[in-house]
Amino acid sequence: MGMRKLRVYTGPAVDHSSVSVLGNSLDFHSVKVTLGDVLPILADAVASDRTWLNDFQADEIIISADLFDVIQAYRNFRRPGA
């Protein structure tokens, strides 16, 4: 009987039209993606209380200043329980 090879499934193939390697100013392992690509996945992970999120809590992300302003305004004006 031949030796079987095991492969690790890493998810669907990456669509390179929506992901690109960032310029030299950032880490080689960084990628640039749209917020629309990431938010649904992160929202599901938060809702499902996935433990792997804890591994990235201290990681810094770069967002635009206007998005930061909107997030801050939302945080300050949202009503708990509404």
PDB file of N, CA and C in Angstrom:
ATOM      1  N   MET A   1       0.846  -1.173   0.000  1.00  0.00           N
ATOM      2  CA  MET A   1       0.000   0.000   0.000  1.00  0.00           C
ATOM      3  C   MET A   1       0.894   1.239   0.000  1.00  0.00           C
ATOM      4  N   GLY A   2       0.588   2.207  -0.853  1.00  0.00           N
ATOM      5  CA  GLY A   2       1.391   3.417  -0.978  1.00  0.00           C
ATOM      6  C   GLY A   2       1.215   4.354   0.205  1.00  0.00           C
ATOM      7  N   MET A   3       2.224   5.178   0.396  1.00  0.00           N
ATOM      8  CA  MET A   3       2.201   6.146   1.490  1.00  0.00           C
ATOM      9  C   MET A   3       1.250   7.290   1.135  1.00  0.00           C
ATOM     10  N   ARG A   4       0.336   7.641   2.041  1.00  0.00           N
ATOM     11  CA  ARG A   4      -0.608   8.734   1.796  1.00  0.00           C
ATOM     12  C   ARG A   4      -0.007  10.043   2.295  1.00  0.00           C
ATOM     13  N   LYS A   5      -0.213  11.089   1.524  1.00  0.00           N
ATOM     14  CA  LYS A   5       0.250  12.416   1.928  1.00  0.00           C
ATOM     15  C   LYS A   5      -0.923  13.202   2.486  1.00  0.00           C
ATOM     16  N   LEU A   6      -0.710  13.823   3.620  1.00  0.00           N
ATOM     17  CA  LEU A   6      -1.726  14.678   4.212  1.00  0.00           C
ATOM     18  C   LEU A   6      -1.472  16.120   3.781  1.00  0.00           C
ATOM     19  N   ARG A   7      -2.545  16.827   3.497  1.00  0.00           N
ATOM     20  CA  ARG A   7      -2.434  18.224   3.138  1.00  0.00           C
ATOM     21  C   ARG A   7      -3.266  19.041   4.117  1.00  0.00           C
ATOM     22  N   VAL A   8      -2.818  20.239   4.429  1.00  0.00           N
ATOM     23  CA  VAL A   8      -3.550  21.140   5.309  1.00  0.00           C
ATOM     24  C   VAL A   8      -4.389  22.069   4.453  1.00  0.00           C
ATOM     25  N   TYR A   9      -5.678  22.113   4.736  1.00  0.00           N
ATOM     26  CA  TYR A   9      -6.571  23.011   4.011  1.00  0.00           C
ATOM     27  C   TYR A   9      -6.442  24.399   4.610  1.00  0.00           C
ATOM     28  N   THR A  10      -6.108  25.373   3.798  1.00  0.00           N
ATOM     29  CA  THR A  10      -5.927  26.747   4.279  1.00  0.00           C
ATOM     30  C   THR A  10      -7.026  27.671   3.805  1.00  0.00           C
ATOM     31  N   GLY A  11      -8.095  27.136   3.292  1.00  0.00           N
ATOM     32  CA  GLY A  11      -9.205  27.963   2.843  1.00  0.00           C
ATOM     33  C   GLY A  11      -9.197  28.108   1.344  1.00  0.00           C
ATOM     34  N   PRO A  12     -10.148  28.892   0.836  1.00  0.00           N
ATOM     35  CA  PRO A  12     -10.222  29.072  -0.615  1.00  0.00           C
ATOM     36  C   PRO A  12      -9.020  29.841  -1.144  1.00  0.00           C
ATOM     37  N   ALA A  13      -8.760  29.676  -2.410  1.00  0.00           N
ATOM     38  CA  ALA A  13      -7.651  30.391  -3.038  1.00  0.00           C
ATOM     39  C   ALA A  13      -7.885  31.888  -2.941  1.00  0.00           C
ATOM     40  N   VAL A  14      -6.819  32.648  -2.742  1.00  0.00           N
ATOM     41  CA  VAL A  14      -6.904  34.096  -2.615  1.00  0.00           C
ATOM     42  C   VAL A  14      -7.129  34.714  -3.986  1.00  0.00           C
ATOM     43  N   ASP A  15      -8.120  35.609  -4.062  1.00  0.00           N
ATOM     44  CA  ASP A  15      -8.369  36.356  -5.288  1.00  0.00           C
ATOM     45  C   ASP A  15      -7.396  37.526  -5.323  1.00  0.00           C
ATOM     46  N   HIS A  16      -6.379  37.431  -6.147  1.00  0.00           N
ATOM     47  CA  HIS A  16      -5.333  38.446  -6.168  1.00  0.00           C
ATOM     48  C   HIS A  16      -5.794  39.777  -6.721  1.00  0.00           C
ATOM     49  N   SER A  17      -7.000  39.863  -7.253  1.00  0.00           N
ATOM     50  CA  SER A  17      -7.490  41.155  -7.726  1.00  0.00           C
ATOM     51  C   SER A  17      -7.904  42.051  -6.566  1.00  0.00           C
ATOM     52  N   SER A  18      -8.230  41.458  -5.384  1.00  0.00           N
ATOM     53  CA  SER A  18      -8.641  42.268  -4.243  1.00  0.00           C
ATOM     54  C   SER A  18      -7.576  42.335  -3.148  1.00  0.00           C
ATOM     55  N   VAL A  19      -6.486  41.621  -3.302  1.00  0.00           N
ATOM     56  CA  VAL A  19      -5.418  41.616  -2.305  1.00  0.00           C
ATOM     57  C   VAL A  19      -4.109  41.939  -3.000  1.00  0.00           C
ATOM     58  N   SER A  20      -3.358  42.852  -2.408  1.00  0.00           N
ATOM     59  CA  SER A  20      -2.063  43.181  -2.990  1.00  0.00           C
ATOM     60  C   SER A  20      -1.044  43.404  -1.890  1.00  0.00           C
ATOM     61  N   VAL A  21       0.191  43.096  -2.174  1.00  0.00           N
ATOM     62  CA  VAL A  21       1.257  43.313  -1.208  1.00  0.00           C
ATOM     63  C   VAL A  21       1.511  44.800  -1.115  1.00  0.00           C
ATOM     64  N   LEU A  22       1.641  45.293   0.106  1.00  0.00           N
ATOM     65  CA  LEU A  22       1.866  46.720   0.313  1.00  0.00           C
ATOM     66  C   LEU A  22       3.281  47.114  -0.062  1.00  0.00           C
ATOM     67  N   GLY A  23       3.492  48.407  -0.116  1.00  0.00           N
ATOM     68  CA  GLY A  23       4.799  48.942  -0.478  1.00  0.00           C
ATOM     69  C   GLY A  23       5.869  48.620   0.534  1.00  0.00           C
ATOM     70  N   ASN A  24       7.064  49.058   0.277  1.00  0.00           N
ATOM     71  CA  ASN A  24       8.226  48.746   1.101  1.00  0.00           C
ATOM     72  C   ASN A  24       8.152  49.333   2.502  1.00  0.00           C
ATOM     73  N   SER A  25       7.255  50.299   2.733  1.00  0.00           N
ATOM     74  CA  SER A  25       7.213  50.965   4.030  1.00  0.00           C
ATOM     75  C   SER A  25       6.654  50.063   5.137  1.00  0.00           C
ATOM     76  N   LEU A  26       5.962  48.985   4.775  1.00  0.00           N
ATOM     77  CA  LEU A  26       5.392  48.100   5.779  1.00  0.00           C
ATOM     78  C   LEU A  26       6.018  46.720   5.703  1.00  0.00           C
ATOM     79  N   ASP A  27       5.677  45.904   6.662  1.00  0.00           N
ATOM     80  CA  ASP A  27       6.178  44.544   6.764  1.00  0.00           C
ATOM     81  C   ASP A  27       5.907  43.751   5.480  1.00  0.00           C
ATOM     82  N   PHE A  28       6.834  42.904   5.105  1.00  0.00           N
ATOM     83  CA  PHE A  28       6.705  42.082   3.900  1.00  0.00           C
ATOM     84  C   PHE A  28       5.467  41.205   3.944  1.00  0.00           C
ATOM     85  N   HIS A  29       5.036  40.819   5.136  1.00  0.00           N
ATOM     86  CA  HIS A  29       3.907  39.910   5.282  1.00  0.00           C
ATOM     87  C   HIS A  29       2.569  40.636   5.382  1.00  0.00           C
ATOM     88  N   SER A  30       2.538  41.918   5.132  1.00  0.00           N
ATOM     89  CA  SER A  30       1.299  42.690   5.174  1.00  0.00           C
ATOM     90  C   SER A  30       0.595  42.634   3.826  1.00  0.00           C
ATOM     91  N   VAL A  31      -0.706  42.734   3.871  1.00  0.00           N
ATOM     92  CA  VAL A  31      -1.502  42.789   2.649  1.00  0.00           C
ATOM     93  C   VAL A  31      -2.501  43.934   2.756  1.00  0.00           C
ATOM     94  N   LYS A  32      -2.938  44.404   1.627  1.00  0.00           N
ATOM     95  CA  LYS A  32      -3.911  45.483   1.569  1.00  0.00           C
ATOM     96  C   LYS A  32      -5.223  44.898   1.065  1.00  0.00           C
ATOM     97  N   VAL A  33      -6.274  45.022   1.874  1.00  0.00           N
ATOM     98  CA  VAL A  33      -7.583  44.501   1.513  1.00  0.00           C
ATOM     99  C   VAL A  33      -8.631  45.574   1.786  1.00  0.00           C
ATOM    100  N   THR A  34      -9.793  45.413   1.179  1.00  0.00           N
ATOM    101  CA  THR A  34     -10.867  46.355   1.446  1.00  0.00           C
ATOM    102  C   THR A  34     -11.545  46.011   2.760  1.00  0.00           C
ATOM    103  N   LEU A  35     -12.098  47.003   3.385  1.00  0.00           N
ATOM    104  CA  LEU A  35     -12.822  46.791   4.632  1.00  0.00           C
ATOM    105  C   LEU A  35     -14.023  45.881   4.409  1.00  0.00           C
ATOM    106  N   GLY A  36     -14.624  45.993   3.224  1.00  0.00           N
ATOM    107  CA  GLY A  36     -15.764  45.147   2.883  1.00  0.00           C
ATOM    108  C   GLY A  36     -15.408  43.675   2.815  1.00  0.00           C
ATOM    109  N   ASP A  37     -14.145  43.354   2.504  1.00  0.00           N
ATOM    110  CA  ASP A  37     -13.705  41.958   2.477  1.00  0.00           C
ATOM    111  C   ASP A  37     -13.493  41.413   3.885  1.00  0.00           C
ATOM    112  N   VAL A  38     -13.063  42.265   4.794  1.00  0.00           N
ATOM    113  CA  VAL A  38     -12.671  41.818   6.128  1.00  0.00           C
ATOM    114  C   VAL A  38     -13.814  41.873   7.139  1.00  0.00           C
ATOM    115  N   LEU A  39     -14.650  42.896   7.067  1.00  0.00           N
ATOM    116  CA  LEU A  39     -15.675  43.081   8.094  1.00  0.00           C
ATOM    117  C   LEU A  39     -16.625  41.907   8.282  1.00  0.00           C
ATOM    118  N   PRO A  40     -17.183  41.329   7.227  1.00  0.00           N
ATOM    119  CA  PRO A  40     -18.102  40.200   7.457  1.00  0.00           C
ATOM    120  C   PRO A  40     -17.439  39.021   8.175  1.00  0.00           C
ATOM    121  N   ILE A  41     -16.192  38.778   7.851  1.00  0.00           N
ATOM    122  CA  ILE A  41     -15.476  37.672   8.487  1.00  0.00           C
ATOM    123  C   ILE A  41     -15.200  37.977   9.950  1.00  0.00           C
ATOM    124  N   LEU A  42     -14.746  39.196  10.239  1.00  0.00           N
ATOM    125  CA  LEU A  42     -14.479  39.572  11.627  1.00  0.00           C
ATOM    126  C   LEU A  42     -15.760  39.642  12.443  1.00  0.00           C
ATOM    127  N   ALA A  43     -16.835  40.155  11.853  1.00  0.00           N
ATOM    128  CA  ALA A  43     -18.115  40.225  12.564  1.00  0.00           C
ATOM    129  C   ALA A  43     -18.594  38.830  12.947  1.00  0.00           C
ATOM    130  N   ASP A  44     -18.462  37.875  12.037  1.00  0.00           N
ATOM    131  CA  ASP A  44     -18.847  36.506  12.331  1.00  0.00           C
ATOM    132  C   ASP A  44     -17.966  35.914  13.428  1.00  0.00           C
ATOM    133  N   ALA A  45     -16.669  36.198  13.370  1.00  0.00           N
ATOM    134  CA  ALA A  45     -15.752  35.677  14.381  1.00  0.00           C
ATOM    135  C   ALA A  45     -16.059  36.252  15.762  1.00  0.00           C
ATOM    136  N   VAL A  46     -16.395  37.538  15.812  1.00  0.00           N
ATOM    137  CA  VAL A  46     -16.750  38.163  17.090  1.00  0.00           C
ATOM    138  C   VAL A  46     -18.058  37.575  17.610  1.00  0.00           C
ATOM    139  N   ALA A  47     -19.053  37.472  16.731  1.00  0.00           N
ATOM    140  CA  ALA A  47     -20.350  36.917  17.136  1.00  0.00           C
ATOM    141  C   ALA A  47     -20.224  35.467  17.608  1.00  0.00           C
ATOM    142  N   SER A  48     -19.289  34.729  17.020  1.00  0.00           N
ATOM    143  CA  SER A  48     -19.075  33.329  17.383  1.00  0.00           C
ATOM    144  C   SER A  48     -18.079  33.169  18.520  1.00  0.00           C
ATOM    145  N   ASP A  49     -17.561  34.291  19.017  1.00  0.00           N
ATOM    146  CA  ASP A  49     -16.593  34.307  20.130  1.00  0.00           C
ATOM    147  C   ASP A  49     -15.403  33.393  19.848  1.00  0.00           C
ATOM    148  N   ARG A  50     -14.812  33.550  18.678  1.00  0.00           N
ATOM    149  CA  ARG A  50     -13.656  32.738  18.284  1.00  0.00           C
ATOM    150  C   ARG A  50     -12.432  33.123  19.094  1.00  0.00           C
ATOM    151  N   THR A  51     -11.762  32.146  19.658  1.00  0.00           N
ATOM    152  CA  THR A  51     -10.615  32.417  20.525  1.00  0.00           C
ATOM    153  C   THR A  51      -9.412  32.953  19.763  1.00  0.00           C
ATOM    154  N   TRP A  52      -9.300  32.672  18.464  1.00  0.00           N
ATOM    155  CA  TRP A  52      -8.137  33.150  17.711  1.00  0.00           C
ATOM    156  C   TRP A  52      -8.104  34.672  17.629  1.00  0.00           C
ATOM    157  N   LEU A  53      -9.236  35.332  17.863  1.00  0.00           N
ATOM    158  CA  LEU A  53      -9.236  36.798  17.865  1.00  0.00           C
ATOM    159  C   LEU A  53      -8.326  37.356  18.952  1.00  0.00           C
ATOM    160  N   ASN A  54      -8.223  36.641  20.074  1.00  0.00           N
ATOM    161  CA  ASN A  54      -7.354  37.087  21.166  1.00  0.00           C
ATOM    162  C   ASN A  54      -5.894  37.183  20.736  1.00  0.00           C
ATOM    163  N   ASP A  55      -5.499  36.361  19.794  1.00  0.00           N
ATOM    164  CA  ASP A  55      -4.116  36.379  19.326  1.00  0.00           C
ATOM    165  C   ASP A  55      -3.756  37.687  18.635  1.00  0.00           C
ATOM    166  N   PHE A  56      -4.753  38.424  18.171  1.00  0.00           N
ATOM    167  CA  PHE A  56      -4.501  39.627  17.385  1.00  0.00           C
ATOM    168  C   PHE A  56      -4.967  40.906  18.062  1.00  0.00           C
ATOM    169  N   GLN A  57      -5.383  40.824  19.323  1.00  0.00           N
ATOM    170  CA  GLN A  57      -5.906  41.996  20.025  1.00  0.00           C
ATOM    171  C   GLN A  57      -4.909  43.141  20.116  1.00  0.00           C
ATOM    172  N   ALA A  58      -3.648  42.859  20.231  1.00  0.00           N
ATOM    173  CA  ALA A  58      -2.640  43.904  20.377  1.00  0.00           C
ATOM    174  C   ALA A  58      -2.089  44.383  19.028  1.00  0.00           C
ATOM    175  N   ASP A  59      -2.494  43.736  17.943  1.00  0.00           N
ATOM    176  CA  ASP A  59      -2.017  44.143  16.619  1.00  0.00           C
ATOM    177  C   ASP A  59      -2.585  45.503  16.251  1.00  0.00           C
ATOM    178  N   GLU A  60      -1.753  46.332  15.642  1.00  0.00           N
ATOM    179  CA  GLU A  60      -2.203  47.639  15.183  1.00  0.00           C
ATOM    180  C   GLU A  60      -2.645  47.555  13.737  1.00  0.00           C
ATOM    181  N   ILE A  61      -3.661  48.332  13.397  1.00  0.00           N
ATOM    182  CA  ILE A  61      -4.130  48.414  12.020  1.00  0.00           C
ATOM    183  C   ILE A  61      -4.091  49.883  11.598  1.00  0.00           C
ATOM    184  N   ILE A  62      -4.047  50.109  10.313  1.00  0.00           N
ATOM    185  CA  ILE A  62      -4.052  51.470   9.783  1.00  0.00           C
ATOM    186  C   ILE A  62      -5.391  51.691   9.103  1.00  0.00           C
ATOM    187  N   ILE A  63      -6.104  52.730   9.536  1.00  0.00           N
ATOM    188  CA  ILE A  63      -7.368  53.094   8.919  1.00  0.00           C
ATOM    189  C   ILE A  63      -7.306  54.567   8.535  1.00  0.00           C
ATOM    190  N   SER A  64      -8.185  54.981   7.664  1.00  0.00           N
ATOM    191  CA  SER A  64      -8.210  56.382   7.251  1.00  0.00           C
ATOM    192  C   SER A  64      -8.714  57.252   8.400  1.00  0.00           C
ATOM    193  N   ALA A  65      -8.326  58.519   8.386  1.00  0.00           N
ATOM    194  CA  ALA A  65      -8.725  59.450   9.440  1.00  0.00           C
ATOM    195  C   ALA A  65     -10.231  59.640   9.468  1.00  0.00           C
ATOM    196  N   ASP A  66     -10.876  59.668   8.300  1.00  0.00           N
ATOM    197  CA  ASP A  66     -12.329  59.859   8.293  1.00  0.00           C
ATOM    198  C   ASP A  66     -13.057  58.637   8.854  1.00  0.00           C
ATOM    199  N   LEU A  67     -12.569  57.438   8.599  1.00  0.00           N
ATOM    200  CA  LEU A  67     -13.170  56.252   9.202  1.00  0.00           C
ATOM    201  C   LEU A  67     -12.984  56.282  10.713  1.00  0.00           C
ATOM    202  N   PHE A  68     -11.827  56.687  11.175  1.00  0.00           N
ATOM    203  CA  PHE A  68     -11.580  56.795  12.609  1.00  0.00           C
ATOM    204  C   PHE A  68     -12.560  57.780  13.247  1.00  0.00           C
ATOM    205  N   ASP A  69     -12.797  58.927  12.590  1.00  0.00           N
ATOM    206  CA  ASP A  69     -13.744  59.916  13.109  1.00  0.00           C
ATOM    207  C   ASP A  69     -15.151  59.336  13.204  1.00  0.00           C
ATOM    208  N   VAL A  70     -15.564  58.591  12.190  1.00  0.00           N
ATOM    209  CA  VAL A  70     -16.893  57.977  12.200  1.00  0.00           C
ATOM    210  C   VAL A  70     -17.001  56.949  13.321  1.00  0.00           C
ATOM    211  N   ILE A  71     -15.977  56.148  13.509  1.00  0.00           N
ATOM    212  CA  ILE A  71     -15.977  55.145  14.580  1.00  0.00           C
ATOM    213  C   ILE A  71     -16.052  55.817  15.943  1.00  0.00           C
ATOM    214  N   GLN A  72     -15.270  56.879  16.132  1.00  0.00           N
ATOM    215  CA  GLN A  72     -15.301  57.605  17.399  1.00  0.00           C
ATOM    216  C   GLN A  72     -16.685  58.212  17.651  1.00  0.00           C
ATOM    217  N   ALA A  73     -17.270  58.818  16.623  1.00  0.00           N
ATOM    218  CA  ALA A  73     -18.601  59.407  16.775  1.00  0.00           C
ATOM    219  C   ALA A  73     -19.625  58.334  17.108  1.00  0.00           C
ATOM    220  N   TYR A  74     -19.534  57.195  16.432  1.00  0.00           N
ATOM    221  CA  TYR A  74     -20.459  56.094  16.707  1.00  0.00           C
ATOM    222  C   TYR A  74     -20.310  55.610  18.145  1.00  0.00           C
ATOM    223  N   ARG A  75     -19.086  55.480  18.589  1.00  0.00           N
ATOM    224  CA  ARG A  75     -18.832  55.026  19.961  1.00  0.00           C
ATOM    225  C   ARG A  75     -19.426  56.001  20.975  1.00  0.00           C
ATOM    226  N   ASN A  76     -19.295  57.300  20.720  1.00  0.00           N
ATOM    227  CA  ASN A  76     -19.759  58.316  21.668  1.00  0.00           C
ATOM    228  C   ASN A  76     -21.269  58.496  21.660  1.00  0.00           C
ATOM    229  N   PHE A  77     -21.931  58.268  20.546  1.00  0.00           N
ATOM    230  CA  PHE A  77     -23.341  58.584  20.440  1.00  0.00           C
ATOM    231  C   PHE A  77     -24.284  57.388  20.422  1.00  0.00           C
ATOM    232  N   ARG A  78     -23.750  56.194  20.374  1.00  0.00           N
ATOM    233  CA  ARG A  78     -24.661  55.046  20.359  1.00  0.00           C
ATOM    234  C   ARG A  78     -25.290  54.869  21.736  1.00  0.00           C
ATOM    235  N   ARG A  79     -26.494  54.383  21.720  1.00  0.00           N
ATOM    236  CA  ARG A  79     -27.226  54.192  22.959  1.00  0.00           C
ATOM    237  C   ARG A  79     -27.150  52.736  23.379  1.00  0.00           C
ATOM    238  N   PRO A  80     -26.706  52.440  24.580  1.00  0.00           N
ATOM    239  CA  PRO A  80     -26.681  51.049  25.043  1.00  0.00           C
ATOM    240  C   PRO A  80     -28.093  50.473  25.070  1.00  0.00           C
ATOM    241  N   GLY A  81     -28.223  49.265  24.579  1.00  0.00           N
ATOM    242  CA  GLY A  81     -29.506  48.578  24.588  1.00  0.00           C
ATOM    243  C   GLY A  81     -30.478  49.020  23.520  1.00  0.00           C
ATOM    244  N   ALA A  82     -30.068  49.925  22.666  1.00  0.00           N
ATOM    245  CA  ALA A  82     -30.988  50.398  21.614  1.00  0.00           C
ATOM    246  C   ALA A  82     -30.919  49.522  20.401  1.00  0.00           C
TER     247      ALA A  82
END
